[in-house]
Amino acid sequence: MSDTRSASPRRRSPLGTGVVIAAAVWFTACSDEPADPGVACVAPESPVPVSVVEGLSLSDLRAAVRDAAERNATVLPASDATTELRGALLALSDNLGSAQGQSACQALTKAAAALARQPDDAATLPDRTAVKMVLDMAATMMARK
């Protein structure tokens, strides 16, 4: 009896392939301007499949990022990390799609770092999750440009 598994080509999941492509593009997406030596662009922790952001306009994404800054981040516990998160989200919203690609990348990176420093509190989990989803969508959309 022969083993037929080795005869057929190995198939990859379209989602897995999309995530790999999005991550690969992400590493080169933030090179429009000379980088600030103190900030390096990082890939999103959970890249959003490109198909999720295909229908979004920059206006939609800016509105989602601004909403995260004005509604979600304001209910997080008062701290330096929360202040930094809110400021970085506002800067990201202002710089998305502009000629300031590196500024948007830096704001995204700072926002992700500030979000990671938030306390792991069940009461703020929905707001932290919403902010993380918006950051991941922004990272995916920026990688597509």
N, C-alpha and C. Protein backbone atom coordinates (compact mmCIF):
# COMPACT_ATOMS: atom_id res chain seq x y z
N MET A 1 0.85 -1.16 0.00
CA MET A 1 0.00 0.00 0.00
C MET A 1 0.90 1.23 0.00
N SER A 2 0.67 2.13 -0.92
CA SER A 2 1.54 3.31 -1.03
C SER A 2 0.95 4.47 -0.24
N ASP A 3 1.84 5.35 0.15
CA ASP A 3 1.46 6.54 0.90
C ASP A 3 1.15 7.66 -0.09
N THR A 4 -0.11 8.06 -0.21
CA THR A 4 -0.51 9.08 -1.19
C THR A 4 -0.33 10.49 -0.65
N ARG A 5 -0.08 10.64 0.63
CA ARG A 5 0.07 11.99 1.19
C ARG A 5 1.26 12.72 0.59
N SER A 6 2.34 12.04 0.32
CA SER A 6 3.53 12.71 -0.21
C SER A 6 3.36 13.06 -1.69
N ALA A 7 2.41 12.43 -2.38
CA ALA A 7 2.23 12.70 -3.80
C ALA A 7 1.47 14.00 -4.06
N SER A 8 0.60 14.41 -3.12
CA SER A 8 -0.18 15.64 -3.35
C SER A 8 0.57 16.85 -2.78
N PRO A 9 0.45 17.99 -3.46
CA PRO A 9 1.13 19.19 -2.97
C PRO A 9 0.51 19.65 -1.65
N ARG A 10 1.33 20.20 -0.80
CA ARG A 10 0.86 20.68 0.50
C ARG A 10 0.12 22.01 0.30
N ARG A 11 -1.05 22.10 0.87
CA ARG A 11 -1.84 23.32 0.74
C ARG A 11 -1.69 24.18 1.99
N ARG A 12 -1.63 25.48 1.76
CA ARG A 12 -1.56 26.41 2.88
C ARG A 12 -2.92 27.08 3.02
N SER A 13 -3.24 27.42 4.24
CA SER A 13 -4.47 28.15 4.50
C SER A 13 -4.36 29.55 3.92
N PRO A 14 -5.41 30.03 3.23
CA PRO A 14 -5.37 31.40 2.70
C PRO A 14 -5.18 32.42 3.81
N LEU A 15 -5.78 32.18 4.98
CA LEU A 15 -5.63 33.09 6.10
C LEU A 15 -4.18 33.12 6.56
N GLY A 16 -3.57 31.96 6.70
CA GLY A 16 -2.17 31.89 7.13
C GLY A 16 -1.24 32.58 6.14
N THR A 17 -1.48 32.37 4.86
CA THR A 17 -0.68 33.02 3.83
C THR A 17 -0.87 34.52 3.88
N GLY A 18 -2.11 34.99 4.07
CA GLY A 18 -2.38 36.43 4.15
C GLY A 18 -1.68 37.06 5.33
N VAL A 19 -1.68 36.38 6.46
CA VAL A 19 -1.02 36.91 7.66
C VAL A 19 0.49 37.00 7.43
N VAL A 20 1.07 35.99 6.82
CA VAL A 20 2.50 36.01 6.53
C VAL A 20 2.84 37.15 5.59
N ILE A 21 2.04 37.33 4.55
CA ILE A 21 2.28 38.42 3.60
C ILE A 21 2.14 39.77 4.28
N ALA A 22 1.08 39.94 5.08
CA ALA A 22 0.87 41.21 5.78
C ALA A 22 2.03 41.51 6.72
N ALA A 23 2.52 40.51 7.43
CA ALA A 23 3.64 40.72 8.34
C ALA A 23 4.91 41.08 7.57
N ALA A 24 5.13 40.42 6.43
CA ALA A 24 6.33 40.72 5.64
C ALA A 24 6.28 42.13 5.09
N VAL A 25 5.11 42.55 4.62
CA VAL A 25 4.97 43.90 4.10
C VAL A 25 5.11 44.92 5.21
N TRP A 26 4.59 44.58 6.39
CA TRP A 26 4.64 45.50 7.53
C TRP A 26 6.07 45.94 7.85
N PHE A 27 7.01 45.02 7.79
CA PHE A 27 8.38 45.35 8.16
C PHE A 27 9.00 46.39 7.24
N THR A 28 8.46 46.55 6.04
CA THR A 28 8.99 47.57 5.13
C THR A 28 8.07 48.76 4.99
N ALA A 29 6.90 48.74 5.62
CA ALA A 29 5.91 49.80 5.43
C ALA A 29 6.30 51.12 6.07
N CYS A 30 7.11 51.11 7.06
CA CYS A 30 7.40 52.32 7.82
C CYS A 30 8.77 52.89 7.49
N SER A 31 9.07 53.00 6.22
CA SER A 31 10.40 53.49 5.86
C SER A 31 10.33 54.71 4.95
N ASP A 32 9.25 55.50 5.04
CA ASP A 32 9.08 56.66 4.17
C ASP A 32 10.08 57.76 4.47
N GLU A 33 10.43 57.94 5.73
CA GLU A 33 11.29 59.03 6.16
C GLU A 33 12.38 58.44 7.05
N PRO A 34 13.44 59.20 7.30
CA PRO A 34 14.44 58.70 8.23
C PRO A 34 13.79 58.44 9.59
N ALA A 35 14.11 57.32 10.16
CA ALA A 35 13.50 56.93 11.42
C ALA A 35 14.07 57.70 12.59
N ASP A 36 13.21 57.95 13.56
CA ASP A 36 13.65 58.51 14.83
C ASP A 36 14.47 57.42 15.50
N PRO A 37 15.71 57.72 15.91
CA PRO A 37 16.54 56.64 16.45
C PRO A 37 15.95 56.00 17.70
N GLY A 38 15.04 56.69 18.39
CA GLY A 38 14.47 56.12 19.62
C GLY A 38 13.25 55.25 19.38
N VAL A 39 12.71 55.21 18.17
CA VAL A 39 11.49 54.47 17.92
C VAL A 39 11.67 53.58 16.69
N ALA A 40 11.41 52.31 16.86
CA ALA A 40 11.46 51.38 15.73
C ALA A 40 10.05 50.85 15.51
N CYS A 41 9.67 50.70 14.26
CA CYS A 41 8.34 50.17 13.96
C CYS A 41 8.32 48.68 14.27
N VAL A 42 7.22 48.25 14.84
CA VAL A 42 7.08 46.85 15.17
C VAL A 42 5.87 46.28 14.46
N ALA A 43 5.91 45.01 14.17
CA ALA A 43 4.78 44.34 13.54
C ALA A 43 3.67 44.17 14.57
N PRO A 44 2.42 44.18 14.12
CA PRO A 44 1.33 43.97 15.07
C PRO A 44 1.41 42.58 15.66
N GLU A 45 0.95 42.46 16.90
CA GLU A 45 0.98 41.16 17.57
C GLU A 45 0.02 40.18 16.88
N SER A 46 -1.13 40.68 16.47
CA SER A 46 -2.14 39.85 15.82
C SER A 46 -2.56 40.51 14.52
N PRO A 47 -1.81 40.31 13.44
CA PRO A 47 -2.18 40.97 12.19
C PRO A 47 -3.61 40.61 11.76
N VAL A 48 -4.32 41.62 11.30
CA VAL A 48 -5.68 41.42 10.82
C VAL A 48 -5.60 40.97 9.37
N PRO A 49 -6.37 39.98 8.97
CA PRO A 49 -6.36 39.58 7.57
C PRO A 49 -6.67 40.78 6.66
N VAL A 50 -5.97 40.88 5.57
CA VAL A 50 -6.12 42.00 4.65
C VAL A 50 -7.58 42.15 4.22
N SER A 51 -8.29 41.05 4.08
CA SER A 51 -9.68 41.11 3.64
C SER A 51 -10.56 41.91 4.60
N VAL A 52 -10.17 41.99 5.86
CA VAL A 52 -10.94 42.74 6.86
C VAL A 52 -10.84 44.24 6.61
N VAL A 53 -9.68 44.72 6.19
CA VAL A 53 -9.49 46.16 6.01
C VAL A 53 -9.68 46.62 4.57
N GLU A 54 -9.91 45.70 3.64
CA GLU A 54 -10.05 46.08 2.24
C GLU A 54 -11.15 47.10 2.00
N GLY A 55 -12.27 46.99 2.73
CA GLY A 55 -13.39 47.90 2.52
C GLY A 55 -13.30 49.19 3.32
N LEU A 56 -12.29 49.32 4.16
CA LEU A 56 -12.16 50.52 4.98
C LEU A 56 -11.46 51.63 4.21
N SER A 57 -11.97 52.83 4.37
CA SER A 57 -11.27 53.99 3.82
C SER A 57 -10.38 54.55 4.93
N LEU A 58 -9.47 55.43 4.55
CA LEU A 58 -8.65 56.09 5.56
C LEU A 58 -9.52 56.89 6.52
N SER A 59 -10.59 57.48 6.04
CA SER A 59 -11.51 58.24 6.90
C SER A 59 -12.13 57.32 7.94
N ASP A 60 -12.52 56.11 7.53
CA ASP A 60 -13.09 55.13 8.46
C ASP A 60 -12.09 54.77 9.54
N LEU A 61 -10.86 54.51 9.12
CA LEU A 61 -9.83 54.11 10.07
C LEU A 61 -9.47 55.25 11.01
N ARG A 62 -9.35 56.47 10.47
CA ARG A 62 -9.07 57.64 11.33
C ARG A 62 -10.16 57.79 12.38
N ALA A 63 -11.42 57.63 11.97
CA ALA A 63 -12.54 57.74 12.91
C ALA A 63 -12.47 56.67 13.99
N ALA A 64 -12.11 55.45 13.61
CA ALA A 64 -12.00 54.36 14.59
C ALA A 64 -10.86 54.62 15.58
N VAL A 65 -9.73 55.11 15.07
CA VAL A 65 -8.58 55.41 15.94
C VAL A 65 -8.94 56.56 16.88
N ARG A 66 -9.57 57.60 16.35
CA ARG A 66 -9.97 58.75 17.19
C ARG A 66 -10.98 58.31 18.24
N ASP A 67 -11.92 57.44 17.86
CA ASP A 67 -12.89 56.93 18.82
C ASP A 67 -12.20 56.14 19.93
N ALA A 68 -11.21 55.36 19.57
CA ALA A 68 -10.45 54.61 20.57
C ALA A 68 -9.76 55.56 21.55
N ALA A 69 -9.25 56.68 21.03
CA ALA A 69 -8.57 57.66 21.89
C ALA A 69 -9.56 58.38 22.79
N GLU A 70 -10.70 58.76 22.21
CA GLU A 70 -11.64 59.60 22.95
C GLU A 70 -12.63 58.83 23.81
N ARG A 71 -12.92 57.60 23.45
CA ARG A 71 -13.91 56.85 24.22
C ARG A 71 -13.28 55.70 25.00
N ASN A 72 -12.49 54.85 24.34
CA ASN A 72 -11.93 53.68 25.02
C ASN A 72 -10.79 54.04 25.96
N ALA A 73 -9.84 54.84 25.50
CA ALA A 73 -8.66 55.15 26.33
C ALA A 73 -9.01 56.00 27.54
N THR A 74 -10.07 56.78 27.45
CA THR A 74 -10.41 57.67 28.58
C THR A 74 -11.00 56.92 29.77
N VAL A 75 -11.46 55.69 29.59
CA VAL A 75 -12.00 54.93 30.72
C VAL A 75 -10.95 54.03 31.37
N LEU A 76 -9.76 54.00 30.81
CA LEU A 76 -8.68 53.22 31.43
C LEU A 76 -8.18 53.98 32.66
N PRO A 77 -7.59 53.28 33.62
CA PRO A 77 -7.11 53.95 34.84
C PRO A 77 -6.11 55.06 34.51
N ALA A 78 -6.23 56.16 35.22
CA ALA A 78 -5.33 57.30 35.01
C ALA A 78 -3.90 56.88 35.32
N SER A 79 -3.01 57.07 34.36
CA SER A 79 -1.60 56.74 34.54
C SER A 79 -0.82 57.38 33.39
N ASP A 80 0.50 57.35 33.51
CA ASP A 80 1.34 57.85 32.42
C ASP A 80 1.12 57.04 31.15
N ALA A 81 0.93 55.72 31.30
CA ALA A 81 0.72 54.85 30.14
C ALA A 81 -0.59 55.20 29.43
N THR A 82 -1.62 55.55 30.19
CA THR A 82 -2.91 55.91 29.59
C THR A 82 -2.80 57.25 28.87
N THR A 83 -2.10 58.20 29.48
CA THR A 83 -1.89 59.50 28.83
C THR A 83 -1.10 59.33 27.55
N GLU A 84 -0.05 58.49 27.58
CA GLU A 84 0.75 58.22 26.38
C GLU A 84 -0.08 57.51 25.32
N LEU A 85 -0.90 56.55 25.74
CA LEU A 85 -1.76 55.82 24.80
C LEU A 85 -2.70 56.78 24.10
N ARG A 86 -3.38 57.62 24.84
CA ARG A 86 -4.33 58.55 24.24
C ARG A 86 -3.62 59.51 23.28
N GLY A 87 -2.49 60.05 23.68
CA GLY A 87 -1.74 60.96 22.81
C GLY A 87 -1.26 60.27 21.55
N ALA A 88 -0.78 59.03 21.67
CA ALA A 88 -0.30 58.29 20.51
C ALA A 88 -1.45 57.95 19.56
N LEU A 89 -2.62 57.61 20.11
CA LEU A 89 -3.77 57.33 19.25
C LEU A 89 -4.20 58.58 18.48
N LEU A 90 -4.21 59.72 19.15
CA LEU A 90 -4.57 60.97 18.47
C LEU A 90 -3.55 61.31 17.38
N ALA A 91 -2.27 61.11 17.68
CA ALA A 91 -1.22 61.36 16.68
C ALA A 91 -1.36 60.39 15.51
N LEU A 92 -1.68 59.15 15.79
CA LEU A 92 -1.89 58.17 14.72
C LEU A 92 -3.05 58.60 13.83
N SER A 93 -4.14 59.01 14.45
CA SER A 93 -5.31 59.45 13.69
C SER A 93 -4.96 60.64 12.79
N ASP A 94 -4.19 61.57 13.32
CA ASP A 94 -3.80 62.76 12.55
C ASP A 94 -2.86 62.44 11.40
N ASN A 95 -2.02 61.41 11.55
CA ASN A 95 -0.98 61.13 10.56
C ASN A 95 -1.29 59.99 9.60
N LEU A 96 -2.38 59.26 9.81
CA LEU A 96 -2.72 58.16 8.90
C LEU A 96 -2.95 58.68 7.49
N GLY A 97 -2.26 58.10 6.54
CA GLY A 97 -2.45 58.45 5.15
C GLY A 97 -1.79 59.74 4.72
N SER A 98 -1.09 60.39 5.62
CA SER A 98 -0.43 61.65 5.26
C SER A 98 0.97 61.36 4.73
N ALA A 99 1.66 62.41 4.36
CA ALA A 99 3.04 62.26 3.91
C ALA A 99 3.95 61.92 5.08
N GLN A 100 3.40 61.96 6.27
CA GLN A 100 4.17 61.67 7.49
C GLN A 100 4.06 60.19 7.86
N GLY A 101 4.37 59.32 6.93
CA GLY A 101 4.26 57.88 7.17
C GLY A 101 5.05 57.41 8.37
N GLN A 102 6.25 57.94 8.56
CA GLN A 102 7.06 57.53 9.71
C GLN A 102 6.42 58.02 11.01
N SER A 103 5.80 59.19 10.98
CA SER A 103 5.13 59.70 12.18
C SER A 103 3.97 58.79 12.58
N ALA A 104 3.21 58.33 11.59
CA ALA A 104 2.11 57.40 11.87
C ALA A 104 2.65 56.09 12.43
N CYS A 105 3.74 55.61 11.86
CA CYS A 105 4.36 54.36 12.34
C CYS A 105 4.84 54.51 13.78
N GLN A 106 5.48 55.64 14.08
CA GLN A 106 5.95 55.89 15.44
C GLN A 106 4.79 55.98 16.42
N ALA A 107 3.71 56.65 16.01
CA ALA A 107 2.53 56.77 16.87
C ALA A 107 1.93 55.39 17.13
N LEU A 108 1.86 54.56 16.10
CA LEU A 108 1.34 53.20 16.24
C LEU A 108 2.20 52.40 17.21
N THR A 109 3.50 52.51 17.07
CA THR A 109 4.42 51.78 17.94
C THR A 109 4.30 52.24 19.38
N LYS A 110 4.22 53.56 19.59
CA LYS A 110 4.07 54.10 20.95
C LYS A 110 2.73 53.69 21.56
N ALA A 111 1.68 53.71 20.76
CA ALA A 111 0.36 53.31 21.27
C ALA A 111 0.37 51.84 21.69
N ALA A 112 0.97 50.98 20.87
CA ALA A 112 1.03 49.55 21.20
C ALA A 112 1.82 49.32 22.49
N ALA A 113 2.92 50.04 22.65
CA ALA A 113 3.73 49.90 23.87
C ALA A 113 2.97 50.40 25.10
N ALA A 114 2.26 51.52 24.95
CA ALA A 114 1.49 52.06 26.07
C ALA A 114 0.33 51.13 26.44
N LEU A 115 -0.29 50.54 25.43
CA LEU A 115 -1.37 49.60 25.69
C LEU A 115 -0.85 48.36 26.42
N ALA A 116 0.32 47.91 26.06
CA ALA A 116 0.92 46.73 26.70
C ALA A 116 1.22 46.99 28.18
N ARG A 117 1.42 48.26 28.55
CA ARG A 117 1.71 48.60 29.94
C ARG A 117 0.45 48.78 30.79
N GLN A 118 -0.71 48.65 30.19
CA GLN A 118 -1.96 48.78 30.96
C GLN A 118 -2.11 47.58 31.88
N PRO A 119 -2.68 47.80 33.07
CA PRO A 119 -2.89 46.67 33.99
C PRO A 119 -3.89 45.67 33.41
N ASP A 120 -3.66 44.40 33.70
CA ASP A 120 -4.54 43.33 33.22
C ASP A 120 -5.74 43.25 34.15
N ASP A 121 -6.71 44.12 33.92
CA ASP A 121 -7.88 44.25 34.77
C ASP A 121 -9.12 43.83 33.98
N ALA A 122 -9.91 42.93 34.53
CA ALA A 122 -11.10 42.43 33.83
C ALA A 122 -12.09 43.55 33.51
N ALA A 123 -12.14 44.56 34.34
CA ALA A 123 -13.10 45.66 34.12
C ALA A 123 -12.77 46.48 32.87
N THR A 124 -11.50 46.55 32.49
CA THR A 124 -11.11 47.34 31.32
C THR A 124 -10.80 46.48 30.09
N LEU A 125 -10.98 45.17 30.21
CA LEU A 125 -10.67 44.26 29.10
C LEU A 125 -11.40 44.64 27.81
N PRO A 126 -12.70 44.95 27.83
CA PRO A 126 -13.36 45.30 26.56
C PRO A 126 -12.75 46.54 25.90
N ASP A 127 -12.41 47.54 26.67
CA ASP A 127 -11.82 48.75 26.09
C ASP A 127 -10.40 48.50 25.59
N ARG A 128 -9.61 47.74 26.35
CA ARG A 128 -8.25 47.41 25.89
C ARG A 128 -8.30 46.57 24.63
N THR A 129 -9.25 45.65 24.54
CA THR A 129 -9.40 44.81 23.36
C THR A 129 -9.81 45.65 22.15
N ALA A 130 -10.72 46.59 22.36
CA ALA A 130 -11.15 47.46 21.25
C ALA A 130 -9.97 48.28 20.73
N VAL A 131 -9.16 48.82 21.64
CA VAL A 131 -7.99 49.61 21.22
C VAL A 131 -7.02 48.71 20.46
N LYS A 132 -6.78 47.50 20.96
CA LYS A 132 -5.86 46.58 20.30
C LYS A 132 -6.34 46.23 18.89
N MET A 133 -7.64 46.01 18.74
CA MET A 133 -8.18 45.69 17.42
C MET A 133 -7.98 46.85 16.45
N VAL A 134 -8.20 48.07 16.93
CA VAL A 134 -8.01 49.25 16.07
C VAL A 134 -6.54 49.39 15.68
N LEU A 135 -5.64 49.16 16.63
CA LEU A 135 -4.20 49.23 16.31
C LEU A 135 -3.80 48.17 15.30
N ASP A 136 -4.33 46.97 15.45
CA ASP A 136 -4.01 45.90 14.50
C ASP A 136 -4.57 46.21 13.11
N MET A 137 -5.77 46.79 13.06
CA MET A 137 -6.32 47.19 11.75
C MET A 137 -5.46 48.28 11.12
N ALA A 138 -5.03 49.25 11.93
CA ALA A 138 -4.18 50.32 11.40
C ALA A 138 -2.87 49.76 10.88
N ALA A 139 -2.27 48.84 11.63
CA ALA A 139 -1.01 48.24 11.20
C ALA A 139 -1.17 47.50 9.88
N THR A 140 -2.25 46.76 9.75
CA THR A 140 -2.50 46.02 8.52
C THR A 140 -2.73 46.97 7.35
N MET A 141 -3.51 48.03 7.59
CA MET A 141 -3.79 48.98 6.51
C MET A 141 -2.51 49.72 6.11
N MET A 142 -1.70 50.09 7.08
CA MET A 142 -0.45 50.80 6.77
C MET A 142 0.49 49.89 5.99
N ALA A 143 0.47 48.60 6.27
CA ALA A 143 1.34 47.67 5.55
C ALA A 143 0.92 47.51 4.10
N ARG A 144 -0.33 47.80 3.80
CA ARG A 144 -0.85 47.64 2.43
C ARG A 144 -0.48 48.80 1.53
N LYS A 145 -0.07 49.93 2.08
CA LYS A 145 0.14 51.13 1.24
C LYS A 145 1.26 50.99 0.26
